[in-house]
Amino acid sequence: MRLQSFWRFTSSYLVSHSITIRVAVRTIFAVLLIMTLAMRSHADTRLPGNDTRTEELVITYPHPSGDQAYDNRINYFIELLELAIRTAGRPCRLAAYQVPMTTAGRSRQNIQQGHYDVAWMHTSVDLERTLQPVRVPLLKGLIGWRLFFIREQDTEKFAHIKTLQELSKQIAGQGYDYPDNIILEASHLALRTGLHRNNVLQMLLKNRVDYFPRSITEIYDEWRVFGEPGLAIERSLALKYPSAFYFFVAKDNVELAELLNRGLQKAIISGEFDKVFNRYFGDIIARSNLSSRTILSIPHPTLSATIPLEKPEYWFDPVSISPR
């Protein structure tokens, strides 16, 4: 009897309160929906491209040591990295990972193994298969503008060279693992390789090669550090081909790749990118005196189809550059 009374009471209570419960549930749902829409509306008012996350992102990068000839270029890449993360609008902190001067292959392994997050490297199809490039040319293609170390006694000989066919009669010296070896060979330029830069310079002095092509961003710093009697920087020629240095990150580090791309793009639009570029390389470019040189252009046979050649703001223009 008592059990029957309990069930009658329970049924009566649920019926009498069912409307109240449904109203409460609907009210709670409506409040949650309004809060969600309000948060989304607030998010949509953010400035395009700004990152409003407040947690600090620690980004590690290599800081090579042991080669004074590269100090200027290393400092340039680090300053661009700082500019990119500052402009992207995300709280970040850079941390240097001390390494000796290393090859692109070793740097790729270091990124894949997590020793550091980002590095700057000369792009290649193979490198882009294994790492994620941030496709903004950090040197504005200046890595593909090459001047020559020659023997001082050969100055007059090179002054008479005006064509690729004439240059092909001379032997270029290169490091055995340089990514531009295939570029020179594809244009039928004679080539002999050595172990590393200093080795190739000695090959030049010992008449085993006739010239050593170096980027405008490298050659004057290398001359300052390694120049010695018998060597000279050739004054009448420049070799040019399309190429790029990118920031590279691990394939799965999409967040960092997007952050760096966003920051670099905004820096290009604001003009800050070019200010840094001109401060580091404006005087060097002026010293190269490109307007008085014969420019020999050659193609890049393995150039990635994704390289943004269609964007003039990404590339060095000899006409527009001005010393700082």
C-alpha atoms as a PDB file:
ATOM      1  CA  MET A   1       0.000   0.000   0.000  1.00  0.00           C
ATOM      2  CA  ARG A   2       2.813   2.368   0.954  1.00  0.00           C
ATOM      3  CA  LEU A   3       4.649   1.521  -2.318  1.00  0.00           C
ATOM      4  CA  GLN A   4       1.576   2.400  -4.373  1.00  0.00           C
ATOM      5  CA  SER A   5       1.241   5.713  -2.557  1.00  0.00           C
ATOM      6  CA  PHE A   6       4.919   6.525  -3.253  1.00  0.00           C
ATOM      7  CA  TRP A   7       4.568   5.933  -6.982  1.00  0.00           C
ATOM      8  CA  ARG A   8       1.344   8.028  -7.118  1.00  0.00           C
ATOM      9  CA  PHE A   9       3.191  10.898  -5.380  1.00  0.00           C
ATOM     10  CA  THR A  10       6.226  10.615  -7.645  1.00  0.00           C
ATOM     11  CA  SER A  11       4.150  10.586 -10.840  1.00  0.00           C
ATOM     12  CA  SER A  12       2.119  13.560  -9.687  1.00  0.00           C
ATOM     13  CA  TYR A  13       5.298  15.537  -8.824  1.00  0.00           C
ATOM     14  CA  LEU A  14       6.972  14.880 -12.157  1.00  0.00           C
ATOM     15  CA  VAL A  15       3.857  15.872 -14.096  1.00  0.00           C
ATOM     16  CA  SER A  16       3.382  19.080 -12.128  1.00  0.00           C
ATOM     17  CA  HIS A  17       7.028  20.101 -12.482  1.00  0.00           C
ATOM     18  CA  SER A  18       7.784  18.893 -16.008  1.00  0.00           C
ATOM     19  CA  ILE A  19       6.964  22.266 -17.517  1.00  0.00           C
ATOM     20  CA  THR A  20       9.229  24.036 -15.035  1.00  0.00           C
ATOM     21  CA  ILE A  21      12.119  21.662 -15.781  1.00  0.00           C
ATOM     22  CA  ARG A  22      11.717  22.096 -19.533  1.00  0.00           C
ATOM     23  CA  VAL A  23      11.656  25.866 -19.175  1.00  0.00           C
ATOM     24  CA  ALA A  24      14.798  25.782 -17.020  1.00  0.00           C
ATOM     25  CA  VAL A  25      16.646  23.609 -19.511  1.00  0.00           C
ATOM     26  CA  ARG A  26      15.623  25.844 -22.392  1.00  0.00           C
ATOM     27  CA  THR A  27      16.659  28.939 -20.451  1.00  0.00           C
ATOM     28  CA  ILE A  28      20.091  27.496 -19.695  1.00  0.00           C
ATOM     29  CA  PHE A  29      20.561  26.509 -23.330  1.00  0.00           C
ATOM     30  CA  ALA A  30      19.579  29.998 -24.499  1.00  0.00           C
ATOM     31  CA  VAL A  31      22.034  31.630 -22.102  1.00  0.00           C
ATOM     32  CA  LEU A  32      24.860  29.371 -23.300  1.00  0.00           C
ATOM     33  CA  LEU A  33      24.010  30.138 -26.930  1.00  0.00           C
ATOM     34  CA  ILE A  34      24.061  33.894 -26.292  1.00  0.00           C
ATOM     35  CA  MET A  35      27.435  33.623 -24.522  1.00  0.00           C
ATOM     36  CA  THR A  36      28.896  31.610 -27.416  1.00  0.00           C
ATOM     37  CA  LEU A  37      27.692  34.111 -30.009  1.00  0.00           C
ATOM     38  CA  ALA A  38      29.034  36.995 -27.949  1.00  0.00           C
ATOM     39  CA  MET A  39      32.460  35.373 -27.700  1.00  0.00           C
ATOM     40  CA  ARG A  40      32.487  34.696 -31.435  1.00  0.00           C
ATOM     41  CA  SER A  41      31.463  38.275 -32.161  1.00  0.00           C
ATOM     42  CA  HIS A  42      34.282  39.521 -29.959  1.00  0.00           C
ATOM     43  CA  ALA A  43      36.768  37.266 -31.749  1.00  0.00           C
ATOM     44  CA  ASP A  44      35.618  38.585 -35.111  1.00  0.00           C
ATOM     45  CA  THR A  45      36.490  42.141 -34.084  1.00  0.00           C
ATOM     46  CA  ARG A  46      40.194  41.302 -33.833  1.00  0.00           C
ATOM     47  CA  LEU A  47      42.471  42.961 -36.343  1.00  0.00           C
ATOM     48  CA  PRO A  48      43.173  40.638 -39.300  1.00  0.00           C
ATOM     49  CA  GLY A  49      46.360  38.681 -38.837  1.00  0.00           C
ATOM     50  CA  ASN A  50      46.749  39.427 -35.141  1.00  0.00           C
ATOM     51  CA  ASP A  51      47.224  36.518 -32.728  1.00  0.00           C
ATOM     52  CA  THR A  52      45.491  37.188 -29.391  1.00  0.00           C
ATOM     53  CA  ARG A  53      46.738  34.116 -27.545  1.00  0.00           C
ATOM     54  CA  THR A  54      48.568  35.160 -24.408  1.00  0.00           C
ATOM     55  CA  GLU A  55      50.711  32.112 -23.634  1.00  0.00           C
ATOM     56  CA  GLU A  56      54.364  32.645 -24.493  1.00  0.00           C
ATOM     57  CA  LEU A  57      55.753  30.589 -27.365  1.00  0.00           C
ATOM     58  CA  VAL A  58      59.444  29.718 -27.007  1.00  0.00           C
ATOM     59  CA  ILE A  59      61.201  29.473 -30.386  1.00  0.00           C
ATOM     60  CA  THR A  60      64.692  27.984 -30.587  1.00  0.00           C
ATOM     61  CA  TYR A  61      67.061  28.727 -33.446  1.00  0.00           C
ATOM     62  CA  PRO A  62      70.698  27.844 -34.245  1.00  0.00           C
ATOM     63  CA  HIS A  63      73.422  30.348 -33.469  1.00  0.00           C
ATOM     64  CA  PRO A  64      76.472  29.157 -35.430  1.00  0.00           C
ATOM     65  CA  SER A  65      79.875  30.109 -34.133  1.00  0.00           C
ATOM     66  CA  GLY A  66      83.434  29.837 -35.346  1.00  0.00           C
ATOM     67  CA  ASP A  67      83.194  31.721 -38.664  1.00  0.00           C
ATOM     68  CA  GLN A  68      83.539  35.507 -38.518  1.00  0.00           C
ATOM     69  CA  ALA A  69      82.787  35.810 -42.224  1.00  0.00           C
ATOM     70  CA  TYR A  70      79.183  34.837 -41.560  1.00  0.00           C
ATOM     71  CA  ASP A  71      78.525  37.046 -38.517  1.00  0.00           C
ATOM     72  CA  ASN A  72      76.808  39.791 -40.525  1.00  0.00           C
ATOM     73  CA  ARG A  73      74.475  37.388 -42.316  1.00  0.00           C
ATOM     74  CA  ILE A  74      73.685  35.435 -39.137  1.00  0.00           C
ATOM     75  CA  ASN A  75      72.772  38.664 -37.343  1.00  0.00           C
ATOM     76  CA  TYR A  76      70.532  39.586 -40.278  1.00  0.00           C
ATOM     77  CA  PHE A  77      68.588  36.325 -40.114  1.00  0.00           C
ATOM     78  CA  ILE A  78      68.172  36.625 -36.348  1.00  0.00           C
ATOM     79  CA  GLU A  79      66.897  40.195 -36.691  1.00  0.00           C
ATOM     80  CA  LEU A  80      64.397  39.070 -39.349  1.00  0.00           C
ATOM     81  CA  LEU A  81      63.255  36.299 -37.016  1.00  0.00           C
ATOM     82  CA  GLU A  82      62.749  38.827 -34.223  1.00  0.00           C
ATOM     83  CA  LEU A  83      60.905  41.150 -36.613  1.00  0.00           C
ATOM     84  CA  ALA A  84      58.605  38.360 -37.820  1.00  0.00           C
ATOM     85  CA  ILE A  85      57.493  37.222 -34.368  1.00  0.00           C
ATOM     86  CA  ARG A  86      57.124  40.782 -33.082  1.00  0.00           C
ATOM     87  CA  THR A  87      55.022  41.794 -36.085  1.00  0.00           C
ATOM     88  CA  ALA A  88      52.876  38.645 -35.944  1.00  0.00           C
ATOM     89  CA  GLY A  89      51.455  39.798 -32.598  1.00  0.00           C
ATOM     90  CA  ARG A  90      52.007  36.608 -30.605  1.00  0.00           C
ATOM     91  CA  PRO A  91      53.978  36.632 -27.316  1.00  0.00           C
ATOM     92  CA  CYS A  92      57.192  34.789 -28.150  1.00  0.00           C
ATOM     93  CA  ARG A  93      60.648  34.378 -26.740  1.00  0.00           C
ATOM     94  CA  LEU A  94      63.672  33.454 -28.841  1.00  0.00           C
ATOM     95  CA  ALA A  95      66.241  31.035 -27.461  1.00  0.00           C
ATOM     96  CA  ALA A  96      69.597  30.483 -29.181  1.00  0.00           C
ATOM     97  CA  TYR A  97      70.963  26.961 -29.610  1.00  0.00           C
ATOM     98  CA  GLN A  98      74.737  27.185 -29.872  1.00  0.00           C
ATOM     99  CA  VAL A  99      76.162  25.114 -32.729  1.00  0.00           C
ATOM    100  CA  PRO A 100      79.346  25.139 -34.813  1.00  0.00           C
ATOM    101  CA  MET A 101      79.042  26.116 -38.469  1.00  0.00           C
ATOM    102  CA  THR A 102      77.141  23.257 -40.051  1.00  0.00           C
ATOM    103  CA  THR A 103      75.776  22.001 -43.364  1.00  0.00           C
ATOM    104  CA  ALA A 104      72.161  22.189 -44.505  1.00  0.00           C
ATOM    105  CA  GLY A 105      71.919  18.413 -44.103  1.00  0.00           C
ATOM    106  CA  ARG A 106      72.975  18.578 -40.466  1.00  0.00           C
ATOM    107  CA  SER A 107      70.658  21.512 -39.787  1.00  0.00           C
ATOM    108  CA  ARG A 108      67.766  19.557 -41.288  1.00  0.00           C
ATOM    109  CA  GLN A 109      68.497  16.660 -38.923  1.00  0.00           C
ATOM    110  CA  ASN A 110      68.685  19.035 -35.966  1.00  0.00           C
ATOM    111  CA  ILE A 111      65.204  20.376 -36.738  1.00  0.00           C
ATOM    112  CA  GLN A 112      63.757  16.899 -37.266  1.00  0.00           C
ATOM    113  CA  GLN A 113      65.296  15.708 -33.995  1.00  0.00           C
ATOM    114  CA  GLY A 114      63.938  18.714 -32.096  1.00  0.00           C
ATOM    115  CA  HIS A 115      67.238  20.398 -31.227  1.00  0.00           C
ATOM    116  CA  TYR A 116      65.810  23.687 -32.483  1.00  0.00           C
ATOM    117  CA  ASP A 117      62.584  24.885 -34.109  1.00  0.00           C
ATOM    118  CA  VAL A 118      63.624  27.026 -37.057  1.00  0.00           C
ATOM    119  CA  ALA A 119      66.661  27.584 -39.274  1.00  0.00           C
ATOM    120  CA  TRP A 120      67.448  29.603 -42.399  1.00  0.00           C
ATOM    121  CA  MET A 121      68.627  27.592 -45.399  1.00  0.00           C
ATOM    122  CA  HIS A 122      69.157  27.702 -49.150  1.00  0.00           C
ATOM    123  CA  THR A 123      66.019  26.041 -50.501  1.00  0.00           C
ATOM    124  CA  SER A 124      65.984  22.922 -52.655  1.00  0.00           C
ATOM    125  CA  VAL A 125      63.319  20.472 -53.792  1.00  0.00           C
ATOM    126  CA  ASP A 126      64.755  17.824 -51.474  1.00  0.00           C
ATOM    127  CA  LEU A 127      64.770  20.152 -48.470  1.00  0.00           C
ATOM    128  CA  GLU A 128      61.160  21.174 -49.089  1.00  0.00           C
ATOM    129  CA  ARG A 129      60.148  17.498 -49.138  1.00  0.00           C
ATOM    130  CA  THR A 130      61.397  16.924 -45.608  1.00  0.00           C
ATOM    131  CA  LEU A 131      60.870  20.288 -43.896  1.00  0.00           C
ATOM    132  CA  GLN A 132      58.205  22.998 -44.046  1.00  0.00           C
ATOM    133  CA  PRO A 133      59.447  26.169 -45.803  1.00  0.00           C
ATOM    134  CA  VAL A 134      58.153  29.639 -45.041  1.00  0.00           C
ATOM    135  CA  ARG A 135      58.161  30.848 -48.638  1.00  0.00           C
ATOM    136  CA  VAL A 136      59.364  34.401 -48.176  1.00  0.00           C
ATOM    137  CA  PRO A 137      62.874  34.851 -49.687  1.00  0.00           C
ATOM    138  CA  LEU A 138      64.855  36.199 -46.736  1.00  0.00           C
ATOM    139  CA  LEU A 139      67.686  37.552 -48.908  1.00  0.00           C
ATOM    140  CA  LYS A 140      65.307  38.758 -51.644  1.00  0.00           C
ATOM    141  CA  GLY A 141      67.074  36.407 -54.082  1.00  0.00           C
ATOM    142  CA  LEU A 142      70.460  38.027 -53.454  1.00  0.00           C
ATOM    143  CA  ILE A 143      71.900  34.561 -52.749  1.00  0.00           C
ATOM    144  CA  GLY A 144      71.643  33.945 -56.514  1.00  0.00           C
ATOM    145  CA  TRP A 145      73.714  37.017 -57.438  1.00  0.00           C
ATOM    146  CA  ARG A 146      77.312  35.772 -57.641  1.00  0.00           C
ATOM    147  CA  LEU A 147      80.626  37.573 -57.859  1.00  0.00           C
ATOM    148  CA  PHE A 148      83.923  35.728 -58.280  1.00  0.00           C
ATOM    149  CA  PHE A 149      87.069  35.220 -56.318  1.00  0.00           C
ATOM    150  CA  ILE A 150      89.882  34.988 -58.864  1.00  0.00           C
ATOM    151  CA  ARG A 151      93.660  35.065 -58.891  1.00  0.00           C
ATOM    152  CA  GLU A 152      94.789  38.671 -59.021  1.00  0.00           C
ATOM    153  CA  GLN A 153      96.978  37.912 -62.031  1.00  0.00           C
ATOM    154  CA  ASP A 154      93.869  36.858 -64.013  1.00  0.00           C
ATOM    155  CA  THR A 155      92.070  40.209 -63.678  1.00  0.00           C
ATOM    156  CA  GLU A 156      92.665  41.160 -67.305  1.00  0.00           C
ATOM    157  CA  LYS A 157      91.622  37.727 -68.582  1.00  0.00           C
ATOM    158  CA  PHE A 158      88.232  37.896 -66.854  1.00  0.00           C
ATOM    159  CA  ALA A 159      87.698  41.501 -67.973  1.00  0.00           C
ATOM    160  CA  HIS A 160      87.481  40.194 -71.556  1.00  0.00           C
ATOM    161  CA  ILE A 161      84.824  37.547 -70.784  1.00  0.00           C
ATOM    162  CA  LYS A 162      81.394  38.666 -72.002  1.00  0.00           C
ATOM    163  CA  THR A 163      79.390  35.463 -72.547  1.00  0.00           C
ATOM    164  CA  LEU A 164      78.557  32.200 -70.795  1.00  0.00           C
ATOM    165  CA  GLN A 165      80.375  30.306 -73.531  1.00  0.00           C
ATOM    166  CA  GLU A 166      83.558  32.235 -72.765  1.00  0.00           C
ATOM    167  CA  LEU A 167      83.098  31.712 -69.021  1.00  0.00           C
ATOM    168  CA  SER A 168      82.603  27.975 -69.577  1.00  0.00           C
ATOM    169  CA  LYS A 169      86.253  27.720 -70.659  1.00  0.00           C
ATOM    170  CA  GLN A 170      87.254  28.538 -67.079  1.00  0.00           C
ATOM    171  CA  ILE A 171      86.887  26.067 -64.182  1.00  0.00           C
ATOM    172  CA  ALA A 172      84.672  27.103 -61.275  1.00  0.00           C
ATOM    173  CA  GLY A 173      85.480  25.926 -57.764  1.00  0.00           C
ATOM    174  CA  GLN A 174      82.666  24.860 -55.433  1.00  0.00           C
ATOM    175  CA  GLY A 175      82.165  22.930 -52.213  1.00  0.00           C
ATOM    176  CA  TYR A 176      81.202  19.322 -52.900  1.00  0.00           C
ATOM    177  CA  ASP A 177      77.776  19.687 -51.240  1.00  0.00           C
ATOM    178  CA  TYR A 178      76.817  23.174 -52.483  1.00  0.00           C
ATOM    179  CA  PRO A 179      73.182  23.228 -53.693  1.00  0.00           C
ATOM    180  CA  ASP A 180      74.103  25.435 -56.654  1.00  0.00           C
ATOM    181  CA  ASN A 181      76.509  22.887 -58.183  1.00  0.00           C
ATOM    182  CA  ILE A 182      73.687  21.442 -60.246  1.00  0.00           C
ATOM    183  CA  ILE A 183      72.796  24.948 -61.459  1.00  0.00           C
ATOM    184  CA  LEU A 184      76.277  25.604 -62.828  1.00  0.00           C
ATOM    185  CA  GLU A 185      76.550  22.149 -64.390  1.00  0.00           C
ATOM    186  CA  ALA A 186      73.168  22.503 -66.106  1.00  0.00           C
ATOM    187  CA  SER A 187      74.505  25.606 -67.894  1.00  0.00           C
ATOM    188  CA  HIS A 188      77.629  23.675 -68.966  1.00  0.00           C
ATOM    189  CA  LEU A 189      79.970  25.614 -66.711  1.00  0.00           C
ATOM    190  CA  ALA A 190      83.069  23.580 -65.879  1.00  0.00           C
ATOM    191  CA  LEU A 191      83.218  22.664 -62.212  1.00  0.00           C
ATOM    192  CA  ARG A 192      85.651  21.173 -59.714  1.00  0.00           C
ATOM    193  CA  THR A 193      84.694  20.636 -56.077  1.00  0.00           C
ATOM    194  CA  GLY A 194      86.552  20.785 -52.783  1.00  0.00           C
ATOM    195  CA  LEU A 195      85.688  19.872 -49.207  1.00  0.00           C
ATOM    196  CA  HIS A 196      84.716  23.351 -48.018  1.00  0.00           C
ATOM    197  CA  ARG A 197      85.152  27.062 -48.723  1.00  0.00           C
ATOM    198  CA  ASN A 198      88.699  27.438 -47.374  1.00  0.00           C
ATOM    199  CA  ASN A 199      89.761  24.365 -49.316  1.00  0.00           C
ATOM    200  CA  VAL A 200      88.352  25.839 -52.540  1.00  0.00           C
ATOM    201  CA  LEU A 201      90.197  29.117 -51.931  1.00  0.00           C
ATOM    202  CA  GLN A 202      93.446  27.163 -51.712  1.00  0.00           C
ATOM    203  CA  MET A 203      92.537  25.286 -54.899  1.00  0.00           C
ATOM    204  CA  LEU A 204      92.174  28.672 -56.577  1.00  0.00           C
ATOM    205  CA  LEU A 205      95.567  29.888 -55.384  1.00  0.00           C
ATOM    206  CA  LYS A 206      97.150  26.627 -56.565  1.00  0.00           C
ATOM    207  CA  ASN A 207      95.665  26.954 -60.084  1.00  0.00           C
ATOM    208  CA  ARG A 208      93.381  23.933 -59.735  1.00  0.00           C
ATOM    209  CA  VAL A 209      90.331  26.140 -60.408  1.00  0.00           C
ATOM    210  CA  ASP A 210      90.032  29.549 -62.089  1.00  0.00           C
ATOM    211  CA  TYR A 211      87.253  31.268 -60.156  1.00  0.00           C
ATOM    212  CA  PHE A 212      85.087  30.763 -57.074  1.00  0.00           C
ATOM    213  CA  PRO A 213      81.510  32.143 -57.360  1.00  0.00           C
ATOM    214  CA  ARG A 214      80.210  33.616 -54.089  1.00  0.00           C
ATOM    215  CA  SER A 215      76.990  35.424 -53.229  1.00  0.00           C
ATOM    216  CA  ILE A 216      77.123  39.201 -52.904  1.00  0.00           C
ATOM    217  CA  THR A 217      76.005  38.618 -49.302  1.00  0.00           C
ATOM    218  CA  GLU A 218      79.156  36.546 -48.643  1.00  0.00           C
ATOM    219  CA  ILE A 219      82.074  37.641 -50.749  1.00  0.00           C
ATOM    220  CA  TYR A 220      83.101  40.922 -49.112  1.00  0.00           C
ATOM    221  CA  ASP A 221      82.907  39.499 -45.578  1.00  0.00           C
ATOM    222  CA  GLU A 222      84.914  36.483 -46.730  1.00  0.00           C
ATOM    223  CA  TRP A 223      87.471  38.771 -48.339  1.00  0.00           C
ATOM    224  CA  ARG A 224      87.779  40.722 -45.084  1.00  0.00           C
ATOM    225  CA  VAL A 225      88.435  37.533 -43.090  1.00  0.00           C
ATOM    226  CA  PHE A 226      90.193  35.234 -45.573  1.00  0.00           C
ATOM    227  CA  GLY A 227      91.648  37.521 -48.222  1.00  0.00           C
ATOM    228  CA  GLU A 228      95.345  36.975 -48.832  1.00  0.00           C
ATOM    229  CA  PRO A 229      97.977  38.011 -51.364  1.00  0.00           C
ATOM    230  CA  GLY A 230      97.246  36.627 -54.803  1.00  0.00           C
ATOM    231  CA  LEU A 231      93.438  36.681 -54.424  1.00  0.00           C
ATOM    232  CA  ALA A 232      91.090  39.323 -55.836  1.00  0.00           C
ATOM    233  CA  ILE A 233      87.373  39.974 -56.258  1.00  0.00           C
ATOM    234  CA  GLU A 234      86.642  40.059 -60.000  1.00  0.00           C
ATOM    235  CA  ARG A 235      85.245  43.485 -61.061  1.00  0.00           C
ATOM    236  CA  SER A 236      83.514  43.074 -64.444  1.00  0.00           C
ATOM    237  CA  LEU A 237      81.156  40.059 -64.224  1.00  0.00           C
ATOM    238  CA  ALA A 238      78.208  38.820 -62.179  1.00  0.00           C
ATOM    239  CA  LEU A 239      76.447  35.470 -62.452  1.00  0.00           C
ATOM    240  CA  LYS A 240      72.717  35.479 -61.702  1.00  0.00           C
ATOM    241  CA  TYR A 241      70.136  32.737 -61.187  1.00  0.00           C
ATOM    242  CA  PRO A 242      66.830  32.533 -59.261  1.00  0.00           C
ATOM    243  CA  SER A 243      67.181  31.089 -55.784  1.00  0.00           C
ATOM    244  CA  ALA A 244      66.028  31.719 -52.231  1.00  0.00           C
ATOM    245  CA  PHE A 245      66.873  31.380 -48.567  1.00  0.00           C
ATOM    246  CA  TYR A 246      63.825  30.501 -46.439  1.00  0.00           C
ATOM    247  CA  PHE A 247      63.056  29.907 -42.814  1.00  0.00           C
ATOM    248  CA  PHE A 248      62.454  26.155 -42.404  1.00  0.00           C
ATOM    249  CA  VAL A 249      60.580  24.384 -39.599  1.00  0.00           C
ATOM    250  CA  ALA A 250      59.552  20.780 -38.974  1.00  0.00           C
ATOM    251  CA  LYS A 251      56.821  19.437 -41.254  1.00  0.00           C
ATOM    252  CA  ASP A 252      54.324  19.176 -38.392  1.00  0.00           C
ATOM    253  CA  ASN A 253      55.083  22.610 -36.902  1.00  0.00           C
ATOM    254  CA  VAL A 254      52.265  24.317 -38.774  1.00  0.00           C
ATOM    255  CA  GLU A 255      51.673  26.870 -36.018  1.00  0.00           C
ATOM    256  CA  LEU A 256      55.203  28.273 -36.216  1.00  0.00           C
ATOM    257  CA  ALA A 257      55.240  28.270 -40.026  1.00  0.00           C
ATOM    258  CA  GLU A 258      51.992  30.262 -40.112  1.00  0.00           C
ATOM    259  CA  LEU A 259      53.221  32.681 -37.439  1.00  0.00           C
ATOM    260  CA  LEU A 260      56.476  33.413 -39.285  1.00  0.00           C
ATOM    261  CA  ASN A 261      54.719  33.790 -42.623  1.00  0.00           C
ATOM    262  CA  ARG A 262      52.173  36.188 -41.142  1.00  0.00           C
ATOM    263  CA  GLY A 263      54.868  38.277 -39.470  1.00  0.00           C
ATOM    264  CA  LEU A 264      57.073  38.477 -42.566  1.00  0.00           C
ATOM    265  CA  GLN A 265      54.145  39.400 -44.803  1.00  0.00           C
ATOM    266  CA  LYS A 266      53.136  42.243 -42.497  1.00  0.00           C
ATOM    267  CA  ALA A 267      56.756  43.435 -42.291  1.00  0.00           C
ATOM    268  CA  ILE A 268      56.966  43.534 -46.102  1.00  0.00           C
ATOM    269  CA  ILE A 269      53.750  45.553 -46.340  1.00  0.00           C
ATOM    270  CA  SER A 270      54.887  48.021 -43.670  1.00  0.00           C
ATOM    271  CA  GLY A 271      58.324  48.451 -45.254  1.00  0.00           C
ATOM    272  CA  GLU A 272      60.158  47.185 -42.150  1.00  0.00           C
ATOM    273  CA  PHE A 273      61.520  44.155 -44.025  1.00  0.00           C
ATOM    274  CA  ASP A 274      63.227  46.310 -46.657  1.00  0.00           C
ATOM    275  CA  LYS A 275      64.608  48.655 -44.006  1.00  0.00           C
ATOM    276  CA  VAL A 276      66.416  45.745 -42.357  1.00  0.00           C
ATOM    277  CA  PHE A 277      67.568  44.363 -45.724  1.00  0.00           C
ATOM    278  CA  ASN A 278      68.979  47.709 -46.866  1.00  0.00           C
ATOM    279  CA  ARG A 279      70.699  48.324 -43.544  1.00  0.00           C
ATOM    280  CA  TYR A 280      72.605  45.044 -43.795  1.00  0.00           C
ATOM    281  CA  PHE A 281      73.209  44.840 -47.538  1.00  0.00           C
ATOM    282  CA  GLY A 282      72.704  48.286 -49.097  1.00  0.00           C
ATOM    283  CA  ASP A 283      76.362  49.273 -48.827  1.00  0.00           C
ATOM    284  CA  ILE A 284      77.529  45.848 -50.010  1.00  0.00           C
ATOM    285  CA  ILE A 285      75.309  46.051 -53.083  1.00  0.00           C
ATOM    286  CA  ALA A 286      76.570  49.549 -53.859  1.00  0.00           C
ATOM    287  CA  ARG A 287      80.134  48.305 -53.511  1.00  0.00           C
ATOM    288  CA  SER A 288      79.374  45.524 -56.017  1.00  0.00           C
ATOM    289  CA  ASN A 289      78.732  48.181 -58.684  1.00  0.00           C
ATOM    290  CA  LEU A 290      76.344  45.923 -60.592  1.00  0.00           C
ATOM    291  CA  SER A 291      75.483  48.600 -63.150  1.00  0.00           C
ATOM    292  CA  SER A 292      79.012  48.394 -64.581  1.00  0.00           C
ATOM    293  CA  ARG A 293      79.170  44.591 -64.698  1.00  0.00           C
ATOM    294  CA  THR A 294      78.188  42.155 -67.426  1.00  0.00           C
ATOM    295  CA  ILE A 295      75.316  40.132 -65.913  1.00  0.00           C
ATOM    296  CA  LEU A 296      75.289  36.495 -67.052  1.00  0.00           C
ATOM    297  CA  SER A 297      71.897  34.958 -66.261  1.00  0.00           C
ATOM    298  CA  ILE A 298      71.404  31.202 -66.070  1.00  0.00           C
ATOM    299  CA  PRO A 299      68.305  29.109 -65.234  1.00  0.00           C
ATOM    300  CA  HIS A 300      67.752  27.029 -62.122  1.00  0.00           C
ATOM    301  CA  PRO A 301      66.956  23.503 -63.412  1.00  0.00           C
ATOM    302  CA  THR A 302      65.556  22.128 -60.143  1.00  0.00           C
ATOM    303  CA  LEU A 303      63.805  25.256 -58.905  1.00  0.00           C
ATOM    304  CA  SER A 304      60.700  24.424 -56.893  1.00  0.00           C
ATOM    305  CA  ALA A 305      57.490  25.301 -58.720  1.00  0.00           C
ATOM    306  CA  THR A 306      56.281  26.951 -55.515  1.00  0.00           C
ATOM    307  CA  ILE A 307      58.954  29.676 -55.450  1.00  0.00           C
ATOM    308  CA  PRO A 308      57.048  33.002 -55.588  1.00  0.00           C
ATOM    309  CA  LEU A 309      58.756  34.577 -58.601  1.00  0.00           C
ATOM    310  CA  GLU A 310      55.514  36.367 -59.502  1.00  0.00           C
ATOM    311  CA  LYS A 311      55.765  38.664 -56.452  1.00  0.00           C
ATOM    312  CA  PRO A 312      58.182  41.516 -57.246  1.00  0.00           C
ATOM    313  CA  GLU A 313      58.114  42.771 -53.656  1.00  0.00           C
ATOM    314  CA  TYR A 314      59.928  39.579 -52.622  1.00  0.00           C
ATOM    315  CA  TRP A 315      62.958  40.086 -54.859  1.00  0.00           C
ATOM    316  CA  PHE A 316      66.027  42.275 -55.059  1.00  0.00           C
ATOM    317  CA  ASP A 317      65.858  44.912 -57.776  1.00  0.00           C
ATOM    318  CA  PRO A 318      69.244  46.510 -58.605  1.00  0.00           C
ATOM    319  CA  VAL A 319      67.486  49.688 -59.735  1.00  0.00           C
ATOM    320  CA  SER A 320      65.543  50.288 -56.514  1.00  0.00           C
ATOM    321  CA  ILE A 321      68.265  49.592 -53.958  1.00  0.00           C
ATOM    322  CA  SER A 322      69.843  52.511 -52.137  1.00  0.00           C
ATOM    323  CA  PRO A 323      72.648  52.494 -49.575  1.00  0.00           C
ATOM    324  CA  ARG A 324      71.635  53.139 -45.987  1.00  0.00           C
END
